[in-house]
């Protein structure tokens, strides 16, 4: 498939339409790189008055109207070509995730035993409270694990689809962002499995010790563990969001650090919302890393001069 320019179709066209309607009409007539350069407006004449703070040379202005030398030399495609490529990439992603789910289902019992490990030493026993509950639980576990294993393929297809629409500088910036985001996501899952999940479950077992016997529903247990792991992985994306905001020029590192009081409160509230349990121990164990990630991201933005 030929390379192509997608910068005026999927990302910047939305911003253009909000700034100037006639620019959007020109882009529909011609999707080539040269038409985009011809439509680059002067900040004083063509932009609306309420957009004056983003004058020519500002990060937001350059994001909307990149310079000619920054644009890739790609061939144009029609809208139907874009839609056809999108359909193909979605099909490949679904196929990869489906294959991963089938592979995980073949080892579903082993995966169940691995996820039961955090509380097995505490004497917890699991029950099947309804016919077929364990079967549907293995399907759920296989689905989550298959999505996790297939996520690199999904990420690759997304990058391959949007890459032709990025400028040369944005392409250089994309690799560290994608790599860092992937590392943080898997680090969040590992942190949840090794720290958060055992702490939360041991708290519940210790609290009930001597009063009731711990006989847990297998379905509800895995619902708790899987939601906690994936929500923790997503919450570890905070530095990535900060760096993106700093790169665009919306927020500076000093501004991020100046609101640290609100960030502390927000981290505690976010931890309470993300964790499916209500115990304060789990919430504080998650709030701590969130604060560390936020301040780390703020300093990265500051040190990079954003």
Protein backbone atom coordinates (compact mmCIF):
# COMPACT_ATOMS: atom_id res chain seq x y z
CA UNK A 1 0.00 0.00 0.00
CA UNK A 2 1.34 3.41 -0.93
CA UNK A 3 2.35 5.93 1.74
CA UNK A 4 -0.01 8.86 2.03
CA UNK A 5 -0.62 12.18 3.72
CA UNK A 6 -3.29 12.09 6.38
CA UNK A 7 -2.51 15.23 8.31
CA UNK A 8 -5.52 17.16 7.05
CA UNK A 9 -8.08 14.38 7.38
CA UNK A 10 -7.94 12.75 10.78
CA UNK A 11 -6.31 15.09 13.27
CA UNK A 12 -5.76 18.67 12.20
CA UNK A 13 -8.96 18.97 10.15
CA UNK A 14 -10.99 19.02 13.36
CA UNK A 15 -8.92 21.89 14.68
CA UNK A 16 -9.10 23.74 11.37
CA UNK A 17 -12.87 23.53 11.24
CA UNK A 18 -13.14 25.11 14.68
CA UNK A 19 -10.85 27.96 13.62
CA UNK A 20 -11.95 28.75 10.06
CA UNK A 21 -14.71 27.15 7.97
CA UNK A 22 -13.33 28.02 4.57
CA UNK A 23 -10.01 26.30 5.36
CA UNK A 24 -11.97 23.11 5.97
CA UNK A 25 -13.72 23.47 2.61
CA UNK A 26 -10.38 23.85 0.83
CA UNK A 27 -9.06 20.72 2.50
CA UNK A 28 -12.01 18.71 1.23
CA UNK A 29 -11.20 19.80 -2.32
CA UNK A 30 -7.53 18.86 -2.04
CA UNK A 31 -5.89 16.60 0.53
CA UNK A 32 -2.34 17.04 -0.71
CA UNK A 33 0.44 18.54 1.35
CA UNK A 34 0.75 21.58 -0.89
CA UNK A 35 -2.87 22.63 -0.31
CA UNK A 36 -2.26 22.60 3.41
CA UNK A 37 0.67 24.93 3.03
CA UNK A 38 -1.28 27.32 0.83
CA UNK A 39 -4.00 27.51 3.47
CA UNK A 40 -1.60 28.38 6.27
CA UNK A 41 -3.11 31.67 7.51
CA UNK A 42 -1.50 34.74 8.93
CA UNK A 43 -2.08 34.85 12.65
CA UNK A 44 -3.28 38.46 12.59
CA UNK A 45 -5.63 38.35 9.57
CA UNK A 46 -7.15 34.89 9.24
CA UNK A 47 -7.50 33.67 12.81
CA UNK A 48 -10.47 34.74 14.92
CA UNK A 49 -9.95 37.29 17.66
CA UNK A 50 -10.44 34.83 20.49
CA UNK A 51 -7.59 32.77 19.03
CA UNK A 52 -5.14 35.65 19.23
CA UNK A 53 -3.18 34.23 22.10
CA UNK A 54 -1.92 31.45 19.79
CA UNK A 55 -0.01 33.76 17.46
CA UNK A 56 2.23 32.61 14.68
CA UNK A 57 5.18 30.72 16.10
CA UNK A 58 3.34 29.41 19.14
CA UNK A 59 3.22 25.63 19.70
CA UNK A 60 -0.53 25.41 19.07
CA UNK A 61 -0.32 27.50 15.88
CA UNK A 62 2.54 25.40 14.53
CA UNK A 63 0.61 22.26 15.46
CA UNK A 64 -2.37 23.40 13.39
CA UNK A 65 -0.35 24.84 10.47
CA UNK A 66 3.02 23.04 10.17
CA UNK A 67 5.80 24.47 8.02
CA UNK A 68 6.49 22.97 4.60
CA UNK A 69 9.83 21.44 5.52
CA UNK A 70 8.23 19.61 8.45
CA UNK A 71 5.63 17.80 6.37
CA UNK A 72 6.37 14.31 4.98
CA UNK A 73 6.62 13.83 1.23
CA UNK A 74 3.81 11.29 0.96
CA UNK A 75 1.33 10.54 -1.79
CA UNK A 76 -2.30 11.47 -1.39
CA UNK A 77 -5.20 9.05 -1.06
CA UNK A 78 -8.93 9.44 -1.42
CA UNK A 79 -11.32 9.23 1.51
CA UNK A 80 -12.44 5.78 0.39
CA UNK A 81 -8.82 4.61 0.35
CA UNK A 82 -8.46 5.81 3.94
CA UNK A 83 -11.61 3.98 4.99
CA UNK A 84 -10.48 0.81 3.24
CA UNK A 85 -7.13 0.89 5.01
CA UNK A 86 -8.86 1.56 8.33
CA UNK A 87 -11.10 -1.47 7.77
CA UNK A 88 -8.09 -3.67 7.00
CA UNK A 89 -6.20 -2.56 10.09
CA UNK A 90 -9.22 -3.09 12.33
CA UNK A 91 -9.63 -6.58 10.87
CA UNK A 92 -5.97 -7.42 11.56
CA UNK A 93 -6.28 -6.14 15.14
CA UNK A 94 -9.44 -8.15 15.79
CA UNK A 95 -7.83 -11.24 14.26
CA UNK A 96 -4.73 -10.87 16.46
CA UNK A 97 -6.75 -10.39 19.64
CA UNK A 98 -9.01 -13.32 18.74
CA UNK A 99 -6.03 -15.60 18.20
CA UNK A 100 -4.53 -14.47 21.51
CA UNK A 101 -7.82 -15.14 23.32
CA UNK A 102 -8.01 -18.66 21.87
CA UNK A 103 -4.42 -19.31 22.92
CA UNK A 104 -5.10 -18.06 26.44
CA UNK A 105 -8.26 -20.17 26.68
CA UNK A 106 -6.19 -23.27 25.93
CA UNK A 107 -4.20 -22.48 29.10
CA UNK A 108 -7.07 -20.91 31.04
CA UNK A 109 -6.75 -23.21 34.07
CA UNK A 110 -3.06 -22.38 34.41
CA UNK A 111 -3.88 -18.65 34.18
CA UNK A 112 -6.55 -19.05 36.85
CA UNK A 113 -4.04 -20.69 39.18
CA UNK A 114 -1.56 -17.85 38.62
CA UNK A 115 -4.17 -15.21 39.43
CA UNK A 116 -5.30 -17.14 42.51
CA UNK A 117 -1.76 -17.14 43.91
CA UNK A 118 -2.00 -13.83 45.87
CA UNK A 119 -4.48 -15.36 48.37
CA UNK A 120 -3.83 -19.09 48.15
CA UNK A 121 -1.35 -18.87 51.01
CA UNK A 122 -4.01 -17.22 53.19
CA UNK A 123 -6.22 -20.31 53.11
CA UNK A 124 -8.90 -18.81 50.87
CA UNK A 125 -11.07 -21.29 48.99
CA UNK A 126 -13.00 -20.52 45.83
CA UNK A 127 -16.51 -21.73 45.08
CA UNK A 128 -18.56 -22.13 41.94
CA UNK A 129 -21.93 -20.75 43.00
CA UNK A 130 -23.81 -21.46 39.77
CA UNK A 131 -23.60 -24.02 36.94
CA UNK A 132 -21.05 -22.91 34.38
CA UNK A 133 -19.67 -20.08 36.54
CA UNK A 134 -16.12 -21.36 36.29
CA UNK A 135 -16.45 -21.79 32.52
CA UNK A 136 -17.57 -18.19 32.03
CA UNK A 137 -14.86 -17.05 34.42
CA UNK A 138 -12.21 -18.74 32.28
CA UNK A 139 -13.69 -16.99 29.24
CA UNK A 140 -13.40 -13.66 31.04
CA UNK A 141 -9.80 -14.35 32.09
CA UNK A 142 -8.92 -15.45 28.55
CA UNK A 143 -10.50 -12.28 27.14
CA UNK A 144 -8.52 -9.97 29.41
CA UNK A 145 -5.25 -11.83 28.86
CA UNK A 146 -5.84 -12.05 25.11
CA UNK A 147 -6.46 -8.33 24.93
CA UNK A 148 -3.26 -7.76 26.88
CA UNK A 149 -1.22 -9.99 24.59
CA UNK A 150 -2.81 -8.57 21.44
CA UNK A 151 -2.35 -4.95 22.47
CA UNK A 152 1.08 -4.63 20.75
CA UNK A 153 -0.57 -5.51 17.42
CA UNK A 154 -3.35 -3.00 18.05
CA UNK A 155 -0.79 -0.36 18.94
CA UNK A 156 1.24 -1.09 15.81
CA UNK A 157 -1.82 -0.82 13.55
CA UNK A 158 -2.81 2.50 15.13
CA UNK A 159 0.70 3.89 14.66
CA UNK A 160 0.91 2.66 11.08
CA UNK A 161 -2.41 4.32 10.30
CA UNK A 162 -1.68 7.76 11.78
CA UNK A 163 2.06 7.90 11.03
CA UNK A 164 1.74 9.31 7.49
CA UNK A 165 -0.25 12.24 8.86
CA UNK A 166 2.46 13.32 11.29
CA UNK A 167 5.20 15.84 10.66
CA UNK A 168 8.85 14.79 10.74
CA UNK A 169 9.37 16.17 14.25
CA UNK A 170 6.23 14.44 15.48
CA UNK A 171 7.44 11.16 14.06
CA UNK A 172 10.68 11.43 16.02
CA UNK A 173 8.67 12.23 19.14
CA UNK A 174 6.27 9.31 18.65
CA UNK A 175 8.67 6.45 19.39
CA UNK A 176 9.61 7.53 22.96
CA UNK A 177 5.95 8.22 23.76
CA UNK A 178 4.76 4.82 22.54
CA UNK A 179 7.62 2.97 24.21
CA UNK A 180 7.18 4.83 27.50
CA UNK A 181 3.42 4.35 27.47
CA UNK A 182 3.78 0.60 26.93
CA UNK A 183 6.36 0.25 29.68
CA UNK A 184 4.20 2.21 32.14
CA UNK A 185 1.09 0.19 31.30
CA UNK A 186 2.76 -3.16 31.90
CA UNK A 187 4.52 -1.77 34.98
CA UNK A 188 1.12 -0.79 36.37
CA UNK A 189 -0.23 -4.30 35.80
CA UNK A 190 2.81 -5.88 37.48
CA UNK A 191 2.58 -3.42 40.39
CA UNK A 192 -1.09 -4.28 40.85
CA UNK A 193 -0.42 -8.03 40.80
CA UNK A 194 2.57 -7.93 43.15
CA UNK A 195 1.56 -5.13 45.55
CA UNK A 196 -2.01 -3.84 45.30
CA UNK A 197 -3.89 -7.11 44.88
CA UNK A 198 -2.13 -9.01 47.72
CA UNK A 199 -2.43 -6.01 50.05
CA UNK A 200 -6.15 -5.57 49.42
CA UNK A 201 -6.99 -9.26 49.63
CA UNK A 202 -4.85 -9.89 52.70
CA UNK A 203 -6.59 -6.98 54.40
CA UNK A 204 -9.99 -8.57 53.79
CA UNK A 205 -8.81 -12.02 54.91
CA UNK A 206 -7.19 -10.68 58.09
CA UNK A 207 -10.24 -8.61 58.93
CA UNK A 208 -12.54 -11.65 58.64
CA UNK A 209 -10.18 -14.04 60.45
CA UNK A 210 -11.78 -15.69 63.46
CA UNK A 211 -15.26 -14.53 62.52
CA UNK A 212 -16.09 -16.12 59.17
CA UNK A 213 -14.46 -18.60 56.83
CA UNK A 214 -13.18 -17.15 53.57
CA UNK A 215 -15.14 -18.88 50.81
CA UNK A 216 -15.12 -16.59 47.78
CA UNK A 217 -17.03 -16.66 44.52
CA UNK A 218 -14.61 -17.42 41.71
CA UNK A 219 -16.38 -14.99 39.38
CA UNK A 220 -16.42 -12.06 41.80
CA UNK A 221 -12.80 -12.64 42.75
CA UNK A 222 -11.56 -12.45 39.18
CA UNK A 223 -13.77 -9.47 38.47
CA UNK A 224 -12.02 -7.69 41.35
CA UNK A 225 -8.49 -8.73 40.35
CA UNK A 226 -8.77 -8.06 36.61
CA UNK A 227 -10.45 -4.67 36.99
CA UNK A 228 -7.84 -3.61 39.56
CA UNK A 229 -4.95 -4.67 37.33
CA UNK A 230 -6.17 -2.97 34.16
CA UNK A 231 -7.29 0.22 35.93
CA UNK A 232 -3.87 0.46 37.57
CA UNK A 233 -2.16 0.05 34.21
CA UNK A 234 -4.27 2.84 32.72
CA UNK A 235 -3.65 5.13 35.69
CA UNK A 236 0.10 4.77 35.13
CA UNK A 237 -0.32 6.71 31.85
CA UNK A 238 -0.31 10.03 33.74
CA UNK A 239 3.27 11.03 32.71
CA UNK A 240 2.47 10.31 29.06
CA UNK A 241 -0.50 12.68 29.16
CA UNK A 242 1.63 15.33 30.86
CA UNK A 243 4.38 15.10 28.25
CA UNK A 244 1.85 15.35 25.42
CA UNK A 245 0.28 18.44 26.99
CA UNK A 246 3.72 19.97 27.43
CA UNK A 247 4.74 19.14 23.87
CA UNK A 248 1.66 20.86 22.46
CA UNK A 249 2.30 23.85 24.72
CA UNK A 250 -0.94 23.80 26.67
CA UNK A 251 0.66 23.42 30.12
CA UNK A 252 4.21 24.05 31.30
CA UNK A 253 6.17 22.08 33.88
CA UNK A 254 6.09 24.98 36.34
CA UNK A 255 2.31 25.14 36.08
CA UNK A 256 2.05 21.43 36.79
CA UNK A 257 4.24 21.75 39.87
CA UNK A 258 2.43 24.83 41.17
CA UNK A 259 -0.85 22.94 41.67
CA UNK A 260 0.65 20.15 43.75
CA UNK A 261 -1.89 20.59 46.56
CA UNK A 262 -4.77 19.89 44.20
CA UNK A 263 -2.84 17.00 42.70
CA UNK A 264 -2.49 15.32 46.10
CA UNK A 265 -6.23 15.53 46.70
CA UNK A 266 -6.95 14.43 43.13
CA UNK A 267 -4.64 11.40 43.44
CA UNK A 268 -6.45 10.23 46.58
CA UNK A 269 -9.84 10.69 44.93
CA UNK A 270 -8.68 8.96 41.74
CA UNK A 271 -7.31 6.02 43.74
CA UNK A 272 -10.64 5.69 45.53
CA UNK A 273 -12.49 5.63 42.20
CA UNK A 274 -10.09 3.29 40.39
CA UNK A 275 -9.77 0.62 43.07
CA UNK A 276 -12.81 -1.68 43.26
CA UNK A 277 -12.26 -2.18 47.00
CA UNK A 278 -13.15 0.35 49.69
CA UNK A 279 -10.26 -0.27 52.07
CA UNK A 280 -7.97 2.73 52.67
CA UNK A 281 -4.79 0.63 52.42
CA UNK A 282 -5.28 -0.18 48.74
CA UNK A 283 -6.24 3.40 47.95
CA UNK A 284 -3.12 4.81 49.61
CA UNK A 285 -0.88 2.23 47.94
CA UNK A 286 -2.19 3.40 44.56
CA UNK A 287 -2.24 7.12 45.39
CA UNK A 288 1.48 7.05 46.26
CA UNK A 289 2.70 5.85 42.84
CA UNK A 290 0.25 8.17 41.09
CA UNK A 291 1.77 11.15 42.89
CA UNK A 292 5.28 9.95 42.08
CA UNK A 293 4.41 9.53 38.41
CA UNK A 294 2.77 12.96 38.25
CA UNK A 295 5.71 14.81 39.77
CA UNK A 296 8.13 12.80 37.65
CA UNK A 297 6.22 13.75 34.52
CA UNK A 298 6.09 17.40 35.59
CA UNK A 299 9.86 17.52 36.05
CA UNK A 300 10.42 15.86 32.68
CA UNK A 301 8.28 18.53 31.03
CA UNK A 302 10.16 21.24 32.92
CA UNK A 303 13.63 19.88 32.11
CA UNK A 304 12.78 19.60 28.43
CA UNK A 305 12.00 23.31 28.41
CA UNK A 306 8.26 22.99 27.93
